[in-house]
């Protein structure tokens, strides 16, 4: 069950990475649509 241990170790990093990626995508879409988002 080494996969489970690996997932438990990498889970917080994955959450941070996915949330930052989602934030970047939102910023890019907002820039394309000329929408000013509060930082």
PDB file of N, CA and C in Angstrom:
ATOM      1  N   UNK A   1       0.838  -1.207   0.000  1.00  0.00           N
ATOM      2  CA  UNK A   1       0.000   0.000   0.000  1.00  0.00           C
ATOM      3  C   UNK A   1       0.872   1.255   0.000  1.00  0.00           C
ATOM      4  N   UNK A   2       1.960   1.214  -0.755  1.00  0.00           N
ATOM      5  CA  UNK A   2       2.826   2.389  -0.804  1.00  0.00           C
ATOM      6  C   UNK A   2       2.160   3.542  -1.552  1.00  0.00           C
ATOM      7  N   UNK A   3       1.239   3.205  -2.439  1.00  0.00           N
ATOM      8  CA  UNK A   3       0.558   4.250  -3.210  1.00  0.00           C
ATOM      9  C   UNK A   3      -0.253   5.149  -2.288  1.00  0.00           C
ATOM     10  N   UNK A   4      -0.902   4.547  -1.292  1.00  0.00           N
ATOM     11  CA  UNK A   4      -1.724   5.323  -0.360  1.00  0.00           C
ATOM     12  C   UNK A   4      -0.851   6.282   0.445  1.00  0.00           C
ATOM     13  N   UNK A   5       0.296   5.790   0.906  1.00  0.00           N
ATOM     14  CA  UNK A   5       1.201   6.648   1.674  1.00  0.00           C
ATOM     15  C   UNK A   5       1.716   7.791   0.810  1.00  0.00           C
ATOM     16  N   UNK A   6       2.010   7.487  -0.442  1.00  0.00           N
ATOM     17  CA  UNK A   6       2.497   8.510  -1.361  1.00  0.00           C
ATOM     18  C   UNK A   6       1.426   9.571  -1.589  1.00  0.00           C
ATOM     19  N   UNK A   7       0.171   9.113  -1.741  1.00  0.00           N
ATOM     20  CA  UNK A   7      -0.927  10.058  -1.941  1.00  0.00           C
ATOM     21  C   UNK A   7      -1.116  10.934  -0.714  1.00  0.00           C
ATOM     22  N   UNK A   8      -1.004  10.333   0.475  1.00  0.00           N
ATOM     23  CA  UNK A   8      -1.180  11.110   1.697  1.00  0.00           C
ATOM     24  C   UNK A   8      -0.094  12.169   1.842  1.00  0.00           C
ATOM     25  N   UNK A   9       1.109  11.862   1.378  1.00  0.00           N
ATOM     26  CA  UNK A   9       2.194  12.840   1.459  1.00  0.00           C
ATOM     27  C   UNK A   9       2.026  13.940   0.416  1.00  0.00           C
ATOM     28  N   UNK A  10       1.565  13.562  -0.780  1.00  0.00           N
ATOM     29  CA  UNK A  10       1.499  14.512  -1.887  1.00  0.00           C
ATOM     30  C   UNK A  10       0.182  15.273  -1.933  1.00  0.00           C
ATOM     31  N   UNK A  11      -0.806  14.874  -1.121  1.00  0.00           N
ATOM     32  CA  UNK A  11      -2.138  15.461  -1.205  1.00  0.00           C
ATOM     33  C   UNK A  11      -2.150  16.967  -0.959  1.00  0.00           C
ATOM     34  N   UNK A  12      -1.503  17.491   0.116  1.00  0.00           N
ATOM     35  CA  UNK A  12      -1.518  18.949   0.343  1.00  0.00           C
ATOM     36  C   UNK A  12      -0.869  19.712  -0.808  1.00  0.00           C
ATOM     37  N   UNK A  13       0.229  19.193  -1.332  1.00  0.00           N
ATOM     38  CA  UNK A  13       0.894  19.847  -2.457  1.00  0.00           C
ATOM     39  C   UNK A  13      -0.008  19.849  -3.681  1.00  0.00           C
ATOM     40  N   UNK A  14      -0.743  18.749  -3.887  1.00  0.00           N
ATOM     41  CA  UNK A  14      -1.649  18.656  -5.026  1.00  0.00           C
ATOM     42  C   UNK A  14      -2.782  19.667  -4.898  1.00  0.00           C
ATOM     43  N   UNK A  15      -3.301  19.837  -3.670  1.00  0.00           N
ATOM     44  CA  UNK A  15      -4.382  20.798  -3.442  1.00  0.00           C
ATOM     45  C   UNK A  15      -3.892  22.213  -3.725  1.00  0.00           C
ATOM     46  N   UNK A  16      -2.706  22.551  -3.225  1.00  0.00           N
ATOM     47  CA  UNK A  16      -2.145  23.887  -3.455  1.00  0.00           C
ATOM     48  C   UNK A  16      -1.906  24.113  -4.943  1.00  0.00           C
ATOM     49  N   UNK A  17      -1.356  23.104  -5.609  1.00  0.00           N
ATOM     50  CA  UNK A  17      -1.060  23.227  -7.032  1.00  0.00           C
ATOM     51  C   UNK A  17      -2.333  23.406  -7.847  1.00  0.00           C
ATOM     52  N   UNK A  18      -3.352  22.606  -7.562  1.00  0.00           N
ATOM     53  CA  UNK A  18      -4.591  22.681  -8.327  1.00  0.00           C
ATOM     54  C   UNK A  18      -5.314  24.002  -8.080  1.00  0.00           C
ATOM     55  N   UNK A  19      -5.272  24.492  -6.828  1.00  0.00           N
ATOM     56  CA  UNK A  19      -5.948  25.755  -6.528  1.00  0.00           C
ATOM     57  C   UNK A  19      -5.231  26.918  -7.201  1.00  0.00           C
ATOM     58  N   UNK A  20      -3.906  26.883  -7.229  1.00  0.00           N
ATOM     59  CA  UNK A  20      -3.159  27.952  -7.892  1.00  0.00           C
ATOM     60  C   UNK A  20      -3.380  27.902  -9.404  1.00  0.00           C
ATOM     61  N   UNK A  21      -3.473  26.701  -9.963  1.00  0.00           N
ATOM     62  CA  UNK A  21      -3.752  26.567 -11.389  1.00  0.00           C
ATOM     63  C   UNK A  21      -5.136  27.101 -11.725  1.00  0.00           C
ATOM     64  N   UNK A  22      -6.121  26.799 -10.870  1.00  0.00           N
ATOM     65  CA  UNK A  22      -7.473  27.293 -11.087  1.00  0.00           C
ATOM     66  C   UNK A  22      -7.494  28.815 -11.007  1.00  0.00           C
ATOM     67  N   UNK A  23      -6.746  29.379 -10.058  1.00  0.00           N
ATOM     68  CA  UNK A  23      -6.670  30.834  -9.918  1.00  0.00           C
ATOM     69  C   UNK A  23      -6.057  31.454 -11.172  1.00  0.00           C
ATOM     70  N   UNK A  24      -4.990  30.844 -11.686  1.00  0.00           N
ATOM     71  CA  UNK A  24      -4.361  31.351 -12.903  1.00  0.00           C
ATOM     72  C   UNK A  24      -5.323  31.298 -14.085  1.00  0.00           C
ATOM     73  N   UNK A  25      -6.061  30.212 -14.216  1.00  0.00           N
ATOM     74  CA  UNK A  25      -7.020  30.084 -15.311  1.00  0.00           C
ATOM     75  C   UNK A  25      -8.084  31.167 -15.232  1.00  0.00           C
ATOM     76  N   UNK A  26      -8.577  31.429 -14.013  1.00  0.00           N
ATOM     77  CA  UNK A  26      -9.589  32.468 -13.823  1.00  0.00           C
ATOM     78  C   UNK A  26      -9.021  33.829 -14.209  1.00  0.00           C
ATOM     79  N   UNK A  27      -7.791  34.101 -13.804  1.00  0.00           N
ATOM     80  CA  UNK A  27      -7.149  35.380 -14.139  1.00  0.00           C
ATOM     81  C   UNK A  27      -6.993  35.533 -15.652  1.00  0.00           C
ATOM     82  N   UNK A  28      -6.575  34.468 -16.329  1.00  0.00           N
ATOM     83  CA  UNK A  28      -6.384  34.525 -17.784  1.00  0.00           C
ATOM     84  C   UNK A  28      -7.713  34.773 -18.486  1.00  0.00           C
ATOM     85  N   UNK A  29      -8.746  34.056 -18.089  1.00  0.00           N
ATOM     86  CA  UNK A  29     -10.069  34.234 -18.693  1.00  0.00           C
ATOM     87  C   UNK A  29     -10.580  35.644 -18.434  1.00  0.00           C
ATOM     88  N   UNK A  30     -10.346  36.148 -17.218  1.00  0.00           N
ATOM     89  CA  UNK A  30     -10.788  37.499 -16.881  1.00  0.00           C
ATOM     90  C   UNK A  30     -10.043  38.535 -17.716  1.00  0.00           C
ATOM     91  N   UNK A  31      -8.752  38.310 -17.942  1.00  0.00           N
ATOM     92  CA  UNK A  31      -7.982  39.243 -18.766  1.00  0.00           C
ATOM     93  C   UNK A  31      -8.470  39.229 -20.210  1.00  0.00           C
ATOM     94  N   UNK A  32      -8.798  38.060 -20.711  1.00  0.00           N
ATOM     95  CA  UNK A  32      -9.309  37.954 -22.081  1.00  0.00           C
ATOM     96  C   UNK A  32     -10.658  38.660 -22.189  1.00  0.00           C
ATOM     97  N   UNK A  33     -11.490  38.515 -21.173  1.00  0.00           N
ATOM     98  CA  UNK A  33     -12.821  39.118 -21.185  1.00  0.00           C
ATOM     99  C   UNK A  33     -12.817  40.542 -20.672  1.00  0.00           C
ATOM    100  N   UNK A  34     -11.622  41.072 -20.337  1.00  0.00           N
ATOM    101  CA  UNK A  34     -11.480  42.441 -19.847  1.00  0.00           C
ATOM    102  C   UNK A  34     -12.318  42.668 -18.590  1.00  0.00           C
ATOM    103  N   UNK A  35     -12.262  41.709 -17.677  1.00  0.00           N
ATOM    104  CA  UNK A  35     -12.974  41.836 -16.404  1.00  0.00           C
ATOM    105  C   UNK A  35     -11.943  42.072 -15.312  1.00  0.00           C
ATOM    106  N   UNK A  36     -12.163  43.085 -14.510  1.00  0.00           N
ATOM    107  CA  UNK A  36     -11.242  43.375 -13.414  1.00  0.00           C
ATOM    108  C   UNK A  36     -11.670  42.611 -12.165  1.00  0.00           C
ATOM    109  N   UNK A  37     -10.820  41.678 -11.723  1.00  0.00           N
ATOM    110  CA  UNK A  37     -11.115  40.923 -10.509  1.00  0.00           C
ATOM    111  C   UNK A  37     -10.354  41.524  -9.337  1.00  0.00           C
ATOM    112  N   UNK A  38     -10.960  41.546  -8.168  1.00  0.00           N
ATOM    113  CA  UNK A  38     -10.222  41.969  -6.975  1.00  0.00           C
ATOM    114  C   UNK A  38      -9.132  40.961  -6.651  1.00  0.00           C
ATOM    115  N   UNK A  39      -7.956  41.428  -6.378  1.00  0.00           N
ATOM    116  CA  UNK A  39      -6.843  40.515  -6.111  1.00  0.00           C
ATOM    117  C   UNK A  39      -6.948  39.971  -4.697  1.00  0.00           C
TER     118      UNK A  39
END
